[in-house]
């Protein structure tokens, strides 16, 4: 199985409870790194807001107030067409190599960060049919009992699992949330969404160093193995 990089996205959100930089400093740091600025509009639950989006290569950066809490501010790194972030924190290759130095330039250090969110969305080839793999991991007896709760037999001979959502907590404040589904445009492939949240910068960096295509392959390997049981 292989992970499809084109169309994959990783978002890193650094949230702080108070600003450690001015908008002018934010613009200066990004321009010094060769980023181009584009005024843009972001849709929030409170309505559209104007912000400045900086981009270079596959990396886009912006900052704004947290729409859920105006006293908090978020710096958002959006990285397109990749699921590998080792270079983002080792400083070895472009376009991700600027992340660490940008955070330092904005005075975003460990003790000012209130929460960090990693959000990866990707899709991958499957060695087993996604619905078959997801359904195999659930006890057949449970699916049958759920089916019996309905008076009619409209579900046909079987009830399948079309989405699997796992998490360390709900709502997620710290830890991992994982969603596995057949991809809507091609149900023979998997759609994967993985979120990791913490307020510990060192814990976050450790997670990043261990994440990559092999992580996704391992997850899907577990799903494929469930069909054999």
Protein backbone atom coordinates (compact mmCIF):
# COMPACT_ATOMS: atom_id res chain seq x y z
CA UNK A 1 0.00 0.00 0.00
CA UNK A 2 1.21 3.52 -0.67
CA UNK A 3 0.27 6.93 0.67
CA UNK A 4 -0.70 9.51 -1.93
CA UNK A 5 1.20 12.75 -1.30
CA UNK A 6 -0.51 14.94 -3.90
CA UNK A 7 -3.53 16.45 -2.18
CA UNK A 8 -2.33 15.47 1.29
CA UNK A 9 -2.10 18.28 3.84
CA UNK A 10 -0.56 18.87 7.23
CA UNK A 11 -1.63 21.75 9.44
CA UNK A 12 0.29 22.86 12.51
CA UNK A 13 -1.51 25.30 14.82
CA UNK A 14 0.42 27.00 17.63
CA UNK A 15 -1.96 28.69 20.06
CA UNK A 16 -0.82 31.30 22.56
CA UNK A 17 -2.81 33.11 25.25
CA UNK A 18 -1.04 36.40 24.57
CA UNK A 19 0.85 37.85 21.63
CA UNK A 20 4.64 37.85 21.71
CA UNK A 21 4.96 39.80 18.45
CA UNK A 22 3.31 42.66 16.60
CA UNK A 23 1.69 42.28 13.17
CA UNK A 24 4.60 44.32 11.81
CA UNK A 25 7.11 41.87 13.33
CA UNK A 26 5.15 38.93 11.90
CA UNK A 27 5.34 40.50 8.42
CA UNK A 28 9.04 41.29 8.83
CA UNK A 29 10.01 37.77 9.91
CA UNK A 30 8.11 36.14 7.05
CA UNK A 31 9.41 38.52 4.40
CA UNK A 32 12.99 37.99 5.62
CA UNK A 33 12.44 34.28 4.96
CA UNK A 34 11.32 34.95 1.39
CA UNK A 35 7.58 34.50 1.91
CA UNK A 36 5.12 36.40 -0.28
CA UNK A 37 2.11 38.09 1.34
CA UNK A 38 -1.44 37.80 0.02
CA UNK A 39 -4.44 39.46 1.71
CA UNK A 40 -7.11 36.80 2.13
CA UNK A 41 -10.43 36.08 3.83
CA UNK A 42 -10.90 33.34 6.39
CA UNK A 43 -14.35 31.96 7.21
CA UNK A 44 -15.00 31.51 10.95
CA UNK A 45 -18.18 30.63 12.90
CA UNK A 46 -18.52 34.35 13.58
CA UNK A 47 -18.27 35.22 9.88
CA UNK A 48 -15.47 36.12 7.43
CA UNK A 49 -12.38 37.93 8.71
CA UNK A 50 -9.52 39.54 6.79
CA UNK A 51 -6.04 38.23 7.41
CA UNK A 52 -2.63 38.11 5.77
CA UNK A 53 -1.49 34.82 4.26
CA UNK A 54 2.20 34.26 3.56
CA UNK A 55 3.35 31.52 1.21
CA UNK A 56 6.52 29.98 -0.18
CA UNK A 57 6.64 26.69 -2.05
CA UNK A 58 4.24 24.26 -0.39
CA UNK A 59 4.15 26.15 2.91
CA UNK A 60 1.52 28.75 3.87
CA UNK A 61 1.49 30.71 7.14
CA UNK A 62 -1.05 33.00 8.80
CA UNK A 63 -2.06 34.17 12.25
CA UNK A 64 -5.39 35.29 13.68
CA UNK A 65 -7.51 35.34 16.80
CA UNK A 66 -8.96 32.03 17.86
CA UNK A 67 -12.60 32.19 16.61
CA UNK A 68 -13.69 30.30 19.75
CA UNK A 69 -11.79 32.61 22.14
CA UNK A 70 -10.77 36.11 20.97
CA UNK A 71 -8.22 36.34 23.81
CA UNK A 72 -6.18 33.56 22.22
CA UNK A 73 -4.10 33.78 19.06
CA UNK A 74 -3.12 31.07 16.60
CA UNK A 75 -0.19 30.79 14.22
CA UNK A 76 -1.11 28.37 11.45
CA UNK A 77 1.36 26.50 9.22
CA UNK A 78 -0.30 24.73 6.27
CA UNK A 79 1.95 22.33 4.36
CA UNK A 80 0.64 20.95 1.07
CA UNK A 81 1.37 17.70 -0.77
CA UNK A 82 3.31 15.96 1.99
CA UNK A 83 2.86 13.81 5.07
CA UNK A 84 6.52 13.81 6.09
CA UNK A 85 7.55 16.50 8.54
CA UNK A 86 10.95 15.37 9.79
CA UNK A 87 12.61 18.09 7.71
CA UNK A 88 10.36 20.73 9.27
CA UNK A 89 12.08 20.28 12.60
CA UNK A 90 15.57 19.24 11.54
CA UNK A 91 16.04 22.24 9.28
CA UNK A 92 17.47 20.12 6.49
CA UNK A 93 15.33 20.77 3.44
CA UNK A 94 12.96 23.33 1.92
CA UNK A 95 10.16 24.38 2.21
CA UNK A 96 9.69 23.19 5.78
CA UNK A 97 13.05 24.26 7.17
CA UNK A 98 11.81 27.72 8.20
CA UNK A 99 9.26 26.61 10.81
CA UNK A 100 11.62 26.53 13.80
CA UNK A 101 13.33 29.80 13.00
CA UNK A 102 10.02 31.54 12.34
CA UNK A 103 8.71 30.50 15.76
CA UNK A 104 11.91 31.72 17.41
CA UNK A 105 11.70 35.00 15.48
CA UNK A 106 8.16 35.50 16.82
CA UNK A 107 9.20 34.64 20.41
CA UNK A 108 6.94 31.60 20.41
CA UNK A 109 8.77 29.45 22.95
CA UNK A 110 7.70 26.56 25.18
CA UNK A 111 6.23 28.50 28.08
CA UNK A 112 3.99 30.80 26.01
CA UNK A 113 2.27 28.02 24.04
CA UNK A 114 -1.11 26.96 25.44
CA UNK A 115 -1.87 24.30 22.82
CA UNK A 116 -0.34 22.82 19.68
CA UNK A 117 -2.39 20.92 17.11
CA UNK A 118 -1.14 18.61 14.36
CA UNK A 119 -3.76 17.79 11.72
CA UNK A 120 -2.93 15.49 8.80
CA UNK A 121 -5.35 14.58 6.03
CA UNK A 122 -4.33 12.11 3.36
CA UNK A 123 -5.51 9.15 1.31
CA UNK A 124 -3.86 5.83 0.60
CA UNK A 125 -4.11 2.72 -1.51
CA UNK A 126 -5.55 -0.31 0.27
CA UNK A 127 -4.60 -3.98 0.19
CA UNK A 128 -8.14 -4.88 1.26
CA UNK A 129 -11.42 -3.19 0.40
CA UNK A 130 -11.76 -0.39 3.00
CA UNK A 131 -15.34 -1.21 4.01
CA UNK A 132 -14.44 -4.87 4.33
CA UNK A 133 -11.39 -4.07 6.45
CA UNK A 134 -13.25 -1.70 8.77
CA UNK A 135 -16.22 -4.05 9.17
CA UNK A 136 -13.96 -7.01 9.96
CA UNK A 137 -12.68 -5.23 13.05
CA UNK A 138 -16.17 -5.09 14.62
CA UNK A 139 -17.89 -8.08 16.19
CA UNK A 140 -20.51 -9.42 13.72
CA UNK A 141 -22.86 -10.04 16.65
CA UNK A 142 -22.89 -6.32 17.46
CA UNK A 143 -23.77 -5.38 13.89
CA UNK A 144 -26.55 -7.95 13.83
CA UNK A 145 -28.04 -6.67 17.09
CA UNK A 146 -27.97 -3.11 15.77
CA UNK A 147 -29.71 -4.27 12.61
CA UNK A 148 -32.41 -6.00 14.66
CA UNK A 149 -33.22 -2.69 16.36
CA UNK A 150 -34.92 -1.65 13.12
CA UNK A 151 -38.28 -3.19 12.31
CA UNK A 152 -37.67 -3.56 8.58
CA UNK A 153 -34.98 -5.48 6.72
CA UNK A 154 -34.01 -2.48 4.62
CA UNK A 155 -30.32 -3.05 5.30
CA UNK A 156 -30.21 -6.25 3.30
CA UNK A 157 -28.07 -9.18 4.34
CA UNK A 158 -25.50 -7.20 6.33
CA UNK A 159 -24.63 -3.93 8.03
CA UNK A 160 -21.16 -2.56 7.29
CA UNK A 161 -18.80 -0.15 9.00
CA UNK A 162 -18.25 2.83 6.68
CA UNK A 163 -16.32 5.02 9.11
CA UNK A 164 -14.08 4.36 12.10
CA UNK A 165 -13.38 7.16 14.59
CA UNK A 166 -11.02 6.63 17.51
CA UNK A 167 -9.72 9.03 20.11
CA UNK A 168 -8.07 9.33 23.49
CA UNK A 169 -10.84 11.70 24.62
CA UNK A 170 -13.91 13.55 23.39
CA UNK A 171 -13.87 16.39 22.86
CA UNK A 172 -10.17 16.20 22.15
CA UNK A 173 -8.00 18.42 24.35
CA UNK A 174 -4.88 16.29 24.56
CA UNK A 175 -3.91 13.14 22.70
CA UNK A 176 -4.93 11.62 19.38
CA UNK A 177 -8.03 11.41 17.20
CA UNK A 178 -8.04 9.12 14.16
CA UNK A 179 -10.68 8.80 11.44
CA UNK A 180 -10.52 6.06 8.78
CA UNK A 181 -13.04 5.95 5.94
CA UNK A 182 -13.30 4.85 2.32
CA UNK A 183 -12.35 7.82 0.15
CA UNK A 184 -15.49 9.35 -1.37
CA UNK A 185 -14.03 9.78 -4.87
CA UNK A 186 -12.66 6.23 -4.94
CA UNK A 187 -13.97 3.88 -2.23
CA UNK A 188 -11.21 1.37 -3.00
CA UNK A 189 -8.80 3.80 -1.26
CA UNK A 190 -8.66 4.97 2.35
CA UNK A 191 -9.22 8.54 3.53
CA UNK A 192 -7.33 9.24 6.75
CA UNK A 193 -7.47 12.13 9.20
CA UNK A 194 -5.10 12.17 12.17
CA UNK A 195 -5.10 14.89 14.84
CA UNK A 196 -2.63 15.20 17.72
CA UNK A 197 -2.93 17.86 20.43
CA UNK A 198 -0.72 18.81 23.35
CA UNK A 199 0.54 21.89 25.15
CA UNK A 200 4.01 20.42 25.62
CA UNK A 201 6.40 21.58 22.87
CA UNK A 202 8.91 18.79 23.46
CA UNK A 203 6.14 16.16 23.37
CA UNK A 204 4.87 17.67 20.14
CA UNK A 205 8.35 17.65 18.55
CA UNK A 206 8.79 14.00 19.57
CA UNK A 207 5.49 13.10 17.89
CA UNK A 208 6.53 14.93 14.71
CA UNK A 209 9.85 13.11 14.56
CA UNK A 210 8.05 9.76 14.71
CA UNK A 211 5.39 10.59 12.13
CA UNK A 212 5.57 9.86 8.42
CA UNK A 213 4.35 7.60 5.65
CA UNK A 214 5.36 4.53 7.66
CA UNK A 215 2.89 5.57 10.38
CA UNK A 216 -0.01 5.55 7.92
CA UNK A 217 1.14 2.26 6.41
CA UNK A 218 1.27 0.67 9.87
CA UNK A 219 -2.28 1.84 10.64
CA UNK A 220 -3.65 0.41 7.41
CA UNK A 221 -1.69 -2.77 7.93
CA UNK A 222 -3.57 -3.33 11.18
CA UNK A 223 -6.89 -2.85 9.36
CA UNK A 224 -5.87 -5.29 6.63
CA UNK A 225 -4.81 -7.87 9.20
CA UNK A 226 -8.25 -7.76 10.85
CA UNK A 227 -9.75 -9.41 7.75
CA UNK A 228 -7.70 -12.55 8.46
CA UNK A 229 -9.09 -13.04 11.96
